[in-house]
Amino acid sequence: MTTLEYNEWWVRRINDNIPEPSYKNSQSIEENLRVVPSELQIIKQDFERRNAELKKKIEQMEEEKMNLRLDVDVQKLEAERLRKGKAKAEEDLDSLKTNYKKLHLSMELSGWEKF
């Protein structure tokens, strides 16, 4: 009595126990002959990929830096405009106070204050 495994081996054997190759999972000649990159080539490719990523990141950061500088310039201009506006408002307030004092004094002198 023989086992199933023995029967399979017996059918596949050729010339003194050399089994035939199984073609179920065989690869084509092109796949067998494909070039496998060396470790150095793999490292070089990784380096170039990482380098490209870093260059892109640097460009993005430089663009962001330029935008931030523009924002700072706009903020400085806005602050200067507000300072000038504040100085003008204070000047106008002082002028109004002076005019009010003059008006009040002239009303006192002319007698209009009693009404």
PDB file of N, CA and C in Angstrom:
ATOM      1  N   MET A   1       0.836  -1.175   0.000  1.00  0.00           N
ATOM      2  CA  MET A   1       0.000   0.000   0.000  1.00  0.00           C
ATOM      3  C   MET A   1       0.886   1.245   0.000  1.00  0.00           C
ATOM      4  N   THR A   2       0.573   2.197  -0.852  1.00  0.00           N
ATOM      5  CA  THR A   2       1.383   3.414  -0.969  1.00  0.00           C
ATOM      6  C   THR A   2       0.557   4.619  -0.538  1.00  0.00           C
ATOM      7  N   THR A   3       1.299   5.630  -0.114  1.00  0.00           N
ATOM      8  CA  THR A   3       0.605   6.852   0.314  1.00  0.00           C
ATOM      9  C   THR A   3       0.394   7.771  -0.876  1.00  0.00           C
ATOM     10  N   LEU A   4      -0.465   8.701  -0.667  1.00  0.00           N
ATOM     11  CA  LEU A   4      -0.773   9.669  -1.715  1.00  0.00           C
ATOM     12  C   LEU A   4       0.470  10.491  -2.076  1.00  0.00           C
ATOM     13  N   GLU A   5       1.240  10.864  -1.076  1.00  0.00           N
ATOM     14  CA  GLU A   5       2.455  11.648  -1.317  1.00  0.00           C
ATOM     15  C   GLU A   5       3.461  10.851  -2.153  1.00  0.00           C
ATOM     16  N   TYR A   6       3.571   9.563  -1.830  1.00  0.00           N
ATOM     17  CA  TYR A   6       4.492   8.719  -2.585  1.00  0.00           C
ATOM     18  C   TYR A   6       4.037   8.602  -4.036  1.00  0.00           C
ATOM     19  N   ASN A   7       2.783   8.452  -4.243  1.00  0.00           N
ATOM     20  CA  ASN A   7       2.258   8.358  -5.606  1.00  0.00           C
ATOM     21  C   ASN A   7       2.533   9.646  -6.386  1.00  0.00           C
ATOM     22  N   GLU A   8       2.345  10.779  -5.734  1.00  0.00           N
ATOM     23  CA  GLU A   8       2.629  12.053  -6.416  1.00  0.00           C
ATOM     24  C   GLU A   8       4.106  12.147  -6.762  1.00  0.00           C
ATOM     25  N   TRP A   9       4.956  11.752  -5.826  1.00  0.00           N
ATOM     26  CA  TRP A   9       6.395  11.793  -6.081  1.00  0.00           C
ATOM     27  C   TRP A   9       6.745  10.840  -7.229  1.00  0.00           C
ATOM     28  N   TRP A  10       6.168   9.667  -7.242  1.00  0.00           N
ATOM     29  CA  TRP A  10       6.440   8.659  -8.265  1.00  0.00           C
ATOM     30  C   TRP A  10       6.058   9.160  -9.644  1.00  0.00           C
ATOM     31  N   VAL A  11       4.954   9.877  -9.753  1.00  0.00           N
ATOM     32  CA  VAL A  11       4.502  10.400 -11.036  1.00  0.00           C
ATOM     33  C   VAL A  11       5.440  11.517 -11.504  1.00  0.00           C
ATOM     34  N   ARG A  12       5.914  12.337 -10.599  1.00  0.00           N
ATOM     35  CA  ARG A  12       6.745  13.481 -10.966  1.00  0.00           C
ATOM     36  C   ARG A  12       8.208  13.120 -11.187  1.00  0.00           C
ATOM     37  N   ARG A  13       8.656  11.999 -10.711  1.00  0.00           N
ATOM     38  CA  ARG A  13      10.079  11.688 -10.758  1.00  0.00           C
ATOM     39  C   ARG A  13      10.544  11.422 -12.186  1.00  0.00           C
ATOM     40  N   ILE A  14      11.795  11.774 -12.410  1.00  0.00           N
ATOM     41  CA  ILE A  14      12.445  11.513 -13.695  1.00  0.00           C
ATOM     42  C   ILE A  14      13.867  11.093 -13.379  1.00  0.00           C
ATOM     43  N   ASN A  15      14.404  10.163 -14.083  1.00  0.00           N
ATOM     44  CA  ASN A  15      15.805   9.743 -13.966  1.00  0.00           C
ATOM     45  C   ASN A  15      16.297   9.703 -12.526  1.00  0.00           C
ATOM     46  N   ASP A  16      16.077   8.684 -11.860  1.00  0.00           N
ATOM     47  CA  ASP A  16      16.615   8.451 -10.524  1.00  0.00           C
ATOM     48  C   ASP A  16      16.213   9.516  -9.507  1.00  0.00           C
ATOM     49  N   ASN A  17      15.003   9.599  -9.262  1.00  0.00           N
ATOM     50  CA  ASN A  17      14.461  10.429  -8.176  1.00  0.00           C
ATOM     51  C   ASN A  17      14.599  11.939  -8.368  1.00  0.00           C
ATOM     52  N   ILE A  18      14.769  12.422  -9.537  1.00  0.00           N
ATOM     53  CA  ILE A  18      14.804  13.875  -9.758  1.00  0.00           C
ATOM     54  C   ILE A  18      13.397  14.302 -10.155  1.00  0.00           C
ATOM     55  N   PRO A  19      12.711  15.034  -9.304  1.00  0.00           N
ATOM     56  CA  PRO A  19      11.346  15.423  -9.649  1.00  0.00           C
ATOM     57  C   PRO A  19      11.326  16.501 -10.727  1.00  0.00           C
ATOM     58  N   GLU A  20      10.278  16.477 -11.514  1.00  0.00           N
ATOM     59  CA  GLU A  20      10.092  17.528 -12.520  1.00  0.00           C
ATOM     60  C   GLU A  20       9.747  18.832 -11.802  1.00  0.00           C
ATOM     61  N   PRO A  21      10.122  19.915 -12.367  1.00  0.00           N
ATOM     62  CA  PRO A  21       9.752  21.187 -11.732  1.00  0.00           C
ATOM     63  C   PRO A  21       8.247  21.413 -11.842  1.00  0.00           C
ATOM     64  N   SER A  22       7.721  21.984 -10.830  1.00  0.00           N
ATOM     65  CA  SER A  22       6.299  22.304 -10.832  1.00  0.00           C
ATOM     66  C   SER A  22       6.115  23.640 -11.543  1.00  0.00           C
ATOM     67  N   TYR A  23       5.209  23.686 -12.490  1.00  0.00           N
ATOM     68  CA  TYR A  23       4.989  24.910 -13.257  1.00  0.00           C
ATOM     69  C   TYR A  23       3.815  25.721 -12.724  1.00  0.00           C
ATOM     70  N   LYS A  24       3.289  25.310 -11.597  1.00  0.00           N
ATOM     71  CA  LYS A  24       2.146  26.026 -11.025  1.00  0.00           C
ATOM     72  C   LYS A  24       2.536  27.450 -10.624  1.00  0.00           C
ATOM     73  N   ASN A  25       3.627  27.602  -9.919  1.00  0.00           N
ATOM     74  CA  ASN A  25       4.063  28.909  -9.423  1.00  0.00           C
ATOM     75  C   ASN A  25       5.350  29.364 -10.101  1.00  0.00           C
ATOM     76  N   SER A  26       5.559  28.895 -11.300  1.00  0.00           N
ATOM     77  CA  SER A  26       6.812  29.238 -11.964  1.00  0.00           C
ATOM     78  C   SER A  26       6.767  30.671 -12.480  1.00  0.00           C
ATOM     79  N   GLN A  27       7.933  31.249 -12.565  1.00  0.00           N
ATOM     80  CA  GLN A  27       8.060  32.613 -13.065  1.00  0.00           C
ATOM     81  C   GLN A  27       8.575  32.565 -14.493  1.00  0.00           C
ATOM     82  N   SER A  28       8.275  33.616 -15.213  1.00  0.00           N
ATOM     83  CA  SER A  28       8.772  33.682 -16.580  1.00  0.00           C
ATOM     84  C   SER A  28      10.278  33.935 -16.558  1.00  0.00           C
ATOM     85  N   ILE A  29      10.897  33.740 -17.679  1.00  0.00           N
ATOM     86  CA  ILE A  29      12.342  33.966 -17.781  1.00  0.00           C
ATOM     87  C   ILE A  29      12.664  35.424 -17.470  1.00  0.00           C
ATOM     88  N   GLU A  30      11.811  36.343 -17.943  1.00  0.00           N
ATOM     89  CA  GLU A  30      12.046  37.767 -17.682  1.00  0.00           C
ATOM     90  C   GLU A  30      12.044  38.056 -16.182  1.00  0.00           C
ATOM     91  N   GLU A  31      11.105  37.413 -15.471  1.00  0.00           N
ATOM     92  CA  GLU A  31      11.050  37.631 -14.030  1.00  0.00           C
ATOM     93  C   GLU A  31      12.268  37.045 -13.337  1.00  0.00           C
ATOM     94  N   ASN A  32      12.738  35.909 -13.818  1.00  0.00           N
ATOM     95  CA  ASN A  32      13.928  35.302 -13.229  1.00  0.00           C
ATOM     96  C   ASN A  32      15.183  36.110 -13.523  1.00  0.00           C
ATOM     97  N   LEU A  33      15.198  36.784 -14.646  1.00  0.00           N
ATOM     98  CA  LEU A  33      16.387  37.528 -15.051  1.00  0.00           C
ATOM     99  C   LEU A  33      16.323  39.012 -14.695  1.00  0.00           C
ATOM    100  N   ARG A  34      15.277  39.428 -14.050  1.00  0.00           N
ATOM    101  CA  ARG A  34      15.165  40.863 -13.735  1.00  0.00           C
ATOM    102  C   ARG A  34      16.319  41.301 -12.841  1.00  0.00           C
ATOM    103  N   VAL A  35      16.676  42.546 -12.989  1.00  0.00           N
ATOM    104  CA  VAL A  35      17.811  43.081 -12.245  1.00  0.00           C
ATOM    105  C   VAL A  35      17.333  43.493 -10.859  1.00  0.00           C
ATOM    106  N   VAL A  36      17.986  42.985  -9.876  1.00  0.00           N
ATOM    107  CA  VAL A  36      17.685  43.350  -8.501  1.00  0.00           C
ATOM    108  C   VAL A  36      18.659  44.457  -8.115  1.00  0.00           C
ATOM    109  N   PRO A  37      18.132  45.602  -7.696  1.00  0.00           N
ATOM    110  CA  PRO A  37      19.041  46.704  -7.361  1.00  0.00           C
ATOM    111  C   PRO A  37      19.911  46.352  -6.154  1.00  0.00           C
ATOM    112  N   SER A  38      21.121  46.843  -6.203  1.00  0.00           N
ATOM    113  CA  SER A  38      22.049  46.588  -5.100  1.00  0.00           C
ATOM    114  C   SER A  38      21.651  47.451  -3.906  1.00  0.00           C
ATOM    115  N   GLU A  39      22.238  47.135  -2.776  1.00  0.00           N
ATOM    116  CA  GLU A  39      21.948  47.891  -1.555  1.00  0.00           C
ATOM    117  C   GLU A  39      22.342  49.357  -1.734  1.00  0.00           C
ATOM    118  N   LEU A  40      23.460  49.593  -2.408  1.00  0.00           N
ATOM    119  CA  LEU A  40      23.918  50.954  -2.662  1.00  0.00           C
ATOM    120  C   LEU A  40      22.918  51.708  -3.539  1.00  0.00           C
ATOM    121  N   GLN A  41      22.395  51.028  -4.565  1.00  0.00           N
ATOM    122  CA  GLN A  41      21.409  51.672  -5.431  1.00  0.00           C
ATOM    123  C   GLN A  41      20.136  51.998  -4.658  1.00  0.00           C
ATOM    124  N   ILE A  42      19.724  51.094  -3.797  1.00  0.00           N
ATOM    125  CA  ILE A  42      18.529  51.336  -2.982  1.00  0.00           C
ATOM    126  C   ILE A  42      18.753  52.526  -2.061  1.00  0.00           C
ATOM    127  N   ILE A  43      19.915  52.583  -1.422  1.00  0.00           N
ATOM    128  CA  ILE A  43      20.239  53.698  -0.533  1.00  0.00           C
ATOM    129  C   ILE A  43      20.276  55.000  -1.320  1.00  0.00           C
ATOM    130  N   LYS A  44      20.876  54.961  -2.506  1.00  0.00           N
ATOM    131  CA  LYS A  44      20.949  56.153  -3.352  1.00  0.00           C
ATOM    132  C   LYS A  44      19.548  56.626  -3.737  1.00  0.00           C
ATOM    133  N   GLN A  45      18.672  55.701  -4.123  1.00  0.00           N
ATOM    134  CA  GLN A  45      17.304  56.069  -4.487  1.00  0.00           C
ATOM    135  C   GLN A  45      16.566  56.672  -3.296  1.00  0.00           C
ATOM    136  N   ASP A  46      16.741  56.079  -2.115  1.00  0.00           N
ATOM    137  CA  ASP A  46      16.123  56.624  -0.903  1.00  0.00           C
ATOM    138  C   ASP A  46      16.652  58.019  -0.610  1.00  0.00           C
ATOM    139  N   PHE A  47      17.974  58.188  -0.769  1.00  0.00           N
ATOM    140  CA  PHE A  47      18.582  59.493  -0.537  1.00  0.00           C
ATOM    141  C   PHE A  47      18.018  60.535  -1.499  1.00  0.00           C
ATOM    142  N   GLU A  48      17.927  60.181  -2.778  1.00  0.00           N
ATOM    143  CA  GLU A  48      17.409  61.125  -3.773  1.00  0.00           C
ATOM    144  C   GLU A  48      15.946  61.467  -3.505  1.00  0.00           C
ATOM    145  N   ARG A  49      15.167  60.481  -3.108  1.00  0.00           N
ATOM    146  CA  ARG A  49      13.760  60.727  -2.784  1.00  0.00           C
ATOM    147  C   ARG A  49      13.652  61.660  -1.575  1.00  0.00           C
ATOM    148  N   ARG A  50      14.425  61.373  -0.547  1.00  0.00           N
ATOM    149  CA  ARG A  50      14.410  62.204   0.675  1.00  0.00           C
ATOM    150  C   ARG A  50      14.909  63.613   0.360  1.00  0.00           C
ATOM    151  N   ASN A  51      15.929  63.707  -0.478  1.00  0.00           N
ATOM    152  CA  ASN A  51      16.475  65.003  -0.876  1.00  0.00           C
ATOM    153  C   ASN A  51      15.411  65.821  -1.604  1.00  0.00           C
ATOM    154  N   ALA A  52      14.671  65.187  -2.501  1.00  0.00           N
ATOM    155  CA  ALA A  52      13.609  65.885  -3.235  1.00  0.00           C
ATOM    156  C   ALA A  52      12.516  66.356  -2.279  1.00  0.00           C
ATOM    157  N   GLU A  53      12.166  65.509  -1.308  1.00  0.00           N
ATOM    158  CA  GLU A  53      11.160  65.897  -0.315  1.00  0.00           C
ATOM    159  C   GLU A  53      11.631  67.105   0.487  1.00  0.00           C
ATOM    160  N   LEU A  54      12.897  67.081   0.902  1.00  0.00           N
ATOM    161  CA  LEU A  54      13.433  68.188   1.696  1.00  0.00           C
ATOM    162  C   LEU A  54      13.508  69.478   0.882  1.00  0.00           C
ATOM    163  N   LYS A  55      13.875  69.375  -0.400  1.00  0.00           N
ATOM    164  CA  LYS A  55      13.905  70.567  -1.253  1.00  0.00           C
ATOM    165  C   LYS A  55      12.516  71.178  -1.353  1.00  0.00           C
ATOM    166  N   LYS A  56      11.519  70.326  -1.524  1.00  0.00           N
ATOM    167  CA  LYS A  56      10.141  70.809  -1.613  1.00  0.00           C
ATOM    168  C   LYS A  56       9.734  71.484  -0.303  1.00  0.00           C
ATOM    169  N   LYS A  57      10.109  70.876   0.814  1.00  0.00           N
ATOM    170  CA  LYS A  57       9.780  71.443   2.124  1.00  0.00           C
ATOM    171  C   LYS A  57      10.482  72.785   2.320  1.00  0.00           C
ATOM    172  N   ILE A  58      11.737  72.892   1.885  1.00  0.00           N
ATOM    173  CA  ILE A  58      12.479  74.152   1.986  1.00  0.00           C
ATOM    174  C   ILE A  58      11.794  75.231   1.165  1.00  0.00           C
ATOM    175  N   GLU A  59      11.368  74.887  -0.053  1.00  0.00           N
ATOM    176  CA  GLU A  59      10.672  75.864  -0.897  1.00  0.00           C
ATOM    177  C   GLU A  59       9.388  76.343  -0.227  1.00  0.00           C
ATOM    178  N   GLN A  60       8.645  75.423   0.379  1.00  0.00           N
ATOM    179  CA  GLN A  60       7.416  75.799   1.073  1.00  0.00           C
ATOM    180  C   GLN A  60       7.718  76.720   2.247  1.00  0.00           C
ATOM    181  N   MET A  61       8.780  76.409   2.983  1.00  0.00           N
ATOM    182  CA  MET A  61       9.139  77.232   4.137  1.00  0.00           C
ATOM    183  C   MET A  61       9.604  78.619   3.700  1.00  0.00           C
ATOM    184  N   GLU A  62      10.351  78.690   2.602  1.00  0.00           N
ATOM    185  CA  GLU A  62      10.785  79.991   2.097  1.00  0.00           C
ATOM    186  C   GLU A  62       9.590  80.824   1.650  1.00  0.00           C
ATOM    187  N   GLU A  63       8.624  80.179   1.012  1.00  0.00           N
ATOM    188  CA  GLU A  63       7.414  80.890   0.592  1.00  0.00           C
ATOM    189  C   GLU A  63       6.640  81.383   1.819  1.00  0.00           C
ATOM    190  N   GLU A  64       6.544  80.532   2.835  1.00  0.00           N
ATOM    191  CA  GLU A  64       5.857  80.928   4.065  1.00  0.00           C
ATOM    192  C   GLU A  64       6.594  82.082   4.743  1.00  0.00           C
ATOM    193  N   LYS A  65       7.919  82.026   4.733  1.00  0.00           N
ATOM    194  CA  LYS A  65       8.732  83.090   5.324  1.00  0.00           C
ATOM    195  C   LYS A  65       8.475  84.408   4.607  1.00  0.00           C
ATOM    196  N   MET A  66       8.408  84.370   3.270  1.00  0.00           N
ATOM    197  CA  MET A  66       8.141  85.579   2.497  1.00  0.00           C
ATOM    198  C   MET A  66       6.747  86.121   2.829  1.00  0.00           C
ATOM    199  N   ASN A  67       5.766  85.228   2.937  1.00  0.00           N
ATOM    200  CA  ASN A  67       4.414  85.662   3.285  1.00  0.00           C
ATOM    201  C   ASN A  67       4.369  86.282   4.675  1.00  0.00           C
ATOM    202  N   LEU A  68       5.119  85.704   5.608  1.00  0.00           N
ATOM    203  CA  LEU A  68       5.160  86.264   6.958  1.00  0.00           C
ATOM    204  C   LEU A  68       5.821  87.639   6.963  1.00  0.00           C
ATOM    205  N   ARG A  69       6.856  87.816   6.159  1.00  0.00           N
ATOM    206  CA  ARG A  69       7.489  89.136   6.058  1.00  0.00           C
ATOM    207  C   ARG A  69       6.505  90.163   5.513  1.00  0.00           C
ATOM    208  N   LEU A  70       5.728  89.759   4.508  1.00  0.00           N
ATOM    209  CA  LEU A  70       4.714  90.662   3.963  1.00  0.00           C
ATOM    210  C   LEU A  70       3.679  91.002   5.029  1.00  0.00           C
ATOM    211  N   ASP A  71       3.275  90.009   5.812  1.00  0.00           N
ATOM    212  CA  ASP A  71       2.320  90.258   6.893  1.00  0.00           C
ATOM    213  C   ASP A  71       2.894  91.241   7.911  1.00  0.00           C
ATOM    214  N   VAL A  72       4.176  91.080   8.233  1.00  0.00           N
ATOM    215  CA  VAL A  72       4.827  91.990   9.181  1.00  0.00           C
ATOM    216  C   VAL A  72       4.838  93.407   8.615  1.00  0.00           C
ATOM    217  N   ASP A  73       5.168  93.539   7.333  1.00  0.00           N
ATOM    218  CA  ASP A  73       5.181  94.863   6.709  1.00  0.00           C
ATOM    219  C   ASP A  73       3.799  95.501   6.747  1.00  0.00           C
ATOM    220  N   VAL A  74       2.774  94.718   6.467  1.00  0.00           N
ATOM    221  CA  VAL A  74       1.402  95.239   6.505  1.00  0.00           C
ATOM    222  C   VAL A  74       1.052  95.668   7.923  1.00  0.00           C
ATOM    223  N   GLN A  75       1.429  94.856   8.904  1.00  0.00           N
ATOM    224  CA  GLN A  75       1.141  95.198  10.300  1.00  0.00           C
ATOM    225  C   GLN A  75       1.877  96.473  10.720  1.00  0.00           C
ATOM    226  N   LYS A  76       3.120  96.634  10.267  1.00  0.00           N
ATOM    227  CA  LYS A  76       3.870  97.850  10.590  1.00  0.00           C
ATOM    228  C   LYS A  76       3.199  99.074   9.985  1.00  0.00           C
ATOM    229  N   LEU A  77       2.772  98.961   8.718  1.00  0.00           N
ATOM    230  CA  LEU A  77       2.086 100.082   8.069  1.00  0.00           C
ATOM    231  C   LEU A  77       0.784 100.412   8.787  1.00  0.00           C
ATOM    232  N   GLU A  78       0.052  99.397   9.180  1.00  0.00           N
ATOM    233  CA  GLU A  78      -1.213  99.607   9.901  1.00  0.00           C
ATOM    234  C   GLU A  78      -0.952 100.270  11.251  1.00  0.00           C
ATOM    235  N   ALA A  79       0.086  99.824  11.958  1.00  0.00           N
ATOM    236  CA  ALA A  79       0.428 100.418  13.251  1.00  0.00           C
ATOM    237  C   ALA A  79       0.828 101.880  13.079  1.00  0.00           C
ATOM    238  N   GLU A  80       1.605 102.176  12.045  1.00  0.00           N
ATOM    239  CA  GLU A  80       2.011 103.565  11.783  1.00  0.00           C
ATOM    240  C   GLU A  80       0.799 104.431  11.454  1.00  0.00           C
ATOM    241  N   ARG A  81      -0.117 103.890  10.652  1.00  0.00           N
ATOM    242  CA  ARG A  81      -1.332 104.632  10.304  1.00  0.00           C
ATOM    243  C   ARG A  81      -2.163 104.910  11.559  1.00  0.00           C
ATOM    244  N   LEU A  82      -2.264 103.929  12.442  1.00  0.00           N
ATOM    245  CA  LEU A  82      -3.020 104.121  13.682  1.00  0.00           C
ATOM    246  C   LEU A  82      -2.335 105.132  14.603  1.00  0.00           C
ATOM    247  N   ARG A  83      -0.994 105.101  14.653  1.00  0.00           N
ATOM    248  CA  ARG A  83      -0.267 106.090  15.472  1.00  0.00           C
ATOM    249  C   ARG A  83      -0.524 107.503  14.972  1.00  0.00           C
ATOM    250  N   LYS A  84      -0.465 107.654  13.646  1.00  0.00           N
ATOM    251  CA  LYS A  84      -0.721 108.979  13.070  1.00  0.00           C
ATOM    252  C   LYS A  84      -2.156 109.408  13.334  1.00  0.00           C
ATOM    253  N   GLY A  85      -3.089 108.458  13.214  1.00  0.00           N
ATOM    254  CA  GLY A  85      -4.497 108.765  13.488  1.00  0.00           C
ATOM    255  C   GLY A  85      -4.705 109.159  14.941  1.00  0.00           C
ATOM    256  N   LYS A  86      -4.025 108.468  15.842  1.00  0.00           N
ATOM    257  CA  LYS A  86      -4.138 108.787  17.267  1.00  0.00           C
ATOM    258  C   LYS A  86      -3.561 110.170  17.546  1.00  0.00           C
ATOM    259  N   ALA A  87      -2.400 110.461  16.955  1.00  0.00           N
ATOM    260  CA  ALA A  87      -1.780 111.781  17.159  1.00  0.00           C
ATOM    261  C   ALA A  87      -2.699 112.883  16.635  1.00  0.00           C
ATOM    262  N   LYS A  88      -3.315 112.650  15.472  1.00  0.00           N
ATOM    263  CA  LYS A  88      -4.238 113.640  14.895  1.00  0.00           C
ATOM    264  C   LYS A  88      -5.456 113.809  15.793  1.00  0.00           C
ATOM    265  N   ALA A  89      -5.995 112.707  16.324  1.00  0.00           N
ATOM    266  CA  ALA A  89      -7.158 112.781  17.213  1.00  0.00           C
ATOM    267  C   ALA A  89      -6.810 113.538  18.491  1.00  0.00           C
ATOM    268  N   GLU A  90      -5.629 113.279  19.053  1.00  0.00           N
ATOM    269  CA  GLU A  90      -5.205 113.994  20.261  1.00  0.00           C
ATOM    270  C   GLU A  90      -5.021 115.480  19.969  1.00  0.00           C
ATOM    271  N   GLU A  91      -4.453 115.777  18.816  1.00  0.00           N
ATOM    272  CA  GLU A  91      -4.271 117.176  18.409  1.00  0.00           C
ATOM    273  C   GLU A  91      -5.631 117.865  18.260  1.00  0.00           C
ATOM    274  N   ASP A  92      -6.581 117.186  17.628  1.00  0.00           N
ATOM    275  CA  ASP A  92      -7.926 117.741  17.462  1.00  0.00           C
ATOM    276  C   ASP A  92      -8.607 117.933  18.810  1.00  0.00           C
ATOM    277  N   LEU A  93      -8.425 116.971  19.730  1.00  0.00           N
ATOM    278  CA  LEU A  93      -9.011 117.091  21.064  1.00  0.00           C
ATOM    279  C   LEU A  93      -8.425 118.289  21.804  1.00  0.00           C
ATOM    280  N   ASP A  94      -7.112 118.448  21.740  1.00  0.00           N
ATOM    281  CA  ASP A  94      -6.474 119.603  22.375  1.00  0.00           C
ATOM    282  C   ASP A  94      -7.004 120.900  21.783  1.00  0.00           C
ATOM    283  N   SER A  95      -7.165 120.917  20.467  1.00  0.00           N
ATOM    284  CA  SER A  95      -7.694 122.112  19.803  1.00  0.00           C
ATOM    285  C   SER A  95      -9.122 122.391  20.266  1.00  0.00           C
ATOM    286  N   LEU A  96      -9.940 121.359  20.382  1.00  0.00           N
ATOM    287  CA  LEU A  96     -11.315 121.534  20.859  1.00  0.00           C
ATOM    288  C   LEU A  96     -11.338 122.046  22.297  1.00  0.00           C
ATOM    289  N   LYS A  97     -10.463 121.505  23.145  1.00  0.00           N
ATOM    290  CA  LYS A  97     -10.396 121.971  24.531  1.00  0.00           C
ATOM    291  C   LYS A  97     -10.014 123.445  24.586  1.00  0.00           C
ATOM    292  N   THR A  98      -9.028 123.815  23.774  1.00  0.00           N
ATOM    293  CA  THR A  98      -8.592 125.215  23.738  1.00  0.00           C
ATOM    294  C   THR A  98      -9.731 126.110  23.259  1.00  0.00           C
ATOM    295  N   ASN A  99     -10.396 125.688  22.189  1.00  0.00           N
ATOM    296  CA  ASN A  99     -11.516 126.478  21.669  1.00  0.00           C
ATOM    297  C   ASN A  99     -12.648 126.562  22.684  1.00  0.00           C
ATOM    298  N   TYR A 100     -12.897 125.470  23.418  1.00  0.00           N
ATOM    299  CA  TYR A 100     -13.945 125.484  24.424  1.00  0.00           C
ATOM    300  C   TYR A 100     -13.599 126.469  25.538  1.00  0.00           C
ATOM    301  N   LYS A 101     -12.336 126.453  25.985  1.00  0.00           N
ATOM    302  CA  LYS A 101     -11.914 127.382  27.037  1.00  0.00           C
ATOM    303  C   LYS A 101     -12.054 128.822  26.565  1.00  0.00           C
ATOM    304  N   LYS A 102     -11.656 129.080  25.310  1.00  0.00           N
ATOM    305  CA  LYS A 102     -11.777 130.436  24.762  1.00  0.00           C
ATOM    306  C   LYS A 102     -13.243 130.846  24.692  1.00  0.00           C
ATOM    307  N   LEU A 103     -14.096 129.936  24.229  1.00  0.00           N
ATOM    308  CA  LEU A 103     -15.522 130.228  24.131  1.00  0.00           C
ATOM    309  C   LEU A 103     -16.107 130.477  25.508  1.00  0.00           C
ATOM    310  N   HIS A 104     -15.749 129.627  26.465  1.00  0.00           N
ATOM    311  CA  HIS A 104     -16.240 129.780  27.826  1.00  0.00           C
ATOM    312  C   HIS A 104     -15.789 131.119  28.412  1.00  0.00           C
ATOM    313  N   LEU A 105     -14.538 131.489  28.177  1.00  0.00           N
ATOM    314  CA  LEU A 105     -14.013 132.759  28.675  1.00  0.00           C
ATOM    315  C   LEU A 105     -14.729 133.929  28.022  1.00  0.00           C
ATOM    316  N   SER A 106     -14.952 133.833  26.714  1.00  0.00           N
ATOM    317  CA  SER A 106     -15.624 134.944  26.039  1.00  0.00           C
ATOM    318  C   SER A 106     -17.080 135.040  26.479  1.00  0.00           C
ATOM    319  N   MET A 107     -17.713 133.891  26.790  1.00  0.00           N
ATOM    320  CA  MET A 107     -19.086 133.936  27.290  1.00  0.00           C
ATOM    321  C   MET A 107     -19.130 134.584  28.664  1.00  0.00           C
ATOM    322  N   GLU A 108     -18.114 134.293  29.487  1.00  0.00           N
ATOM    323  CA  GLU A 108     -18.053 134.916  30.811  1.00  0.00           C
ATOM    324  C   GLU A 108     -17.896 136.424  30.677  1.00  0.00           C
ATOM    325  N   LEU A 109     -17.021 136.825  29.776  1.00  0.00           N
ATOM    326  CA  LEU A 109     -16.758 138.256  29.609  1.00  0.00           C
ATOM    327  C   LEU A 109     -17.950 138.991  29.004  1.00  0.00           C
ATOM    328  N   SER A 110     -18.692 138.327  28.155  1.00  0.00           N
ATOM    329  CA  SER A 110     -19.812 138.999  27.500  1.00  0.00           C
ATOM    330  C   SER A 110     -21.105 138.864  28.283  1.00  0.00           C
ATOM    331  N   GLY A 111     -21.115 138.057  29.290  1.00  0.00           N
ATOM    332  CA  GLY A 111     -22.308 137.904  30.106  1.00  0.00           C
ATOM    333  C   GLY A 111     -23.266 136.842  29.601  1.00  0.00           C
ATOM    334  N   TRP A 112     -22.936 136.097  28.631  1.00  0.00           N
ATOM    335  CA  TRP A 112     -23.816 135.054  28.104  1.00  0.00           C
ATOM    336  C   TRP A 112     -23.869 133.831  29.022  1.00  0.00           C
ATOM    337  N   GLU A 113     -22.946 133.717  29.921  1.00  0.00           N
ATOM    338  CA  GLU A 113     -22.889 132.550  30.777  1.00  0.00           C
ATOM    339  C   GLU A 113     -24.086 132.507  31.727  1.00  0.00           C
ATOM    340  N   LYS A 114     -24.669 133.645  32.037  1.00  0.00           N
ATOM    341  CA  LYS A 114     -25.772 133.692  32.990  1.00  0.00           C
ATOM    342  C   LYS A 114     -27.033 133.066  32.419  1.00  0.00           C
ATOM    343  N   PHE A 115     -27.175 133.036  31.147  1.00  0.00           N
ATOM    344  CA  PHE A 115     -28.408 132.498  30.555  1.00  0.00           C
ATOM    345  C   PHE A 115     -28.350 131.046  30.526  1.00  0.00           C
TER     346      PHE A 115
END
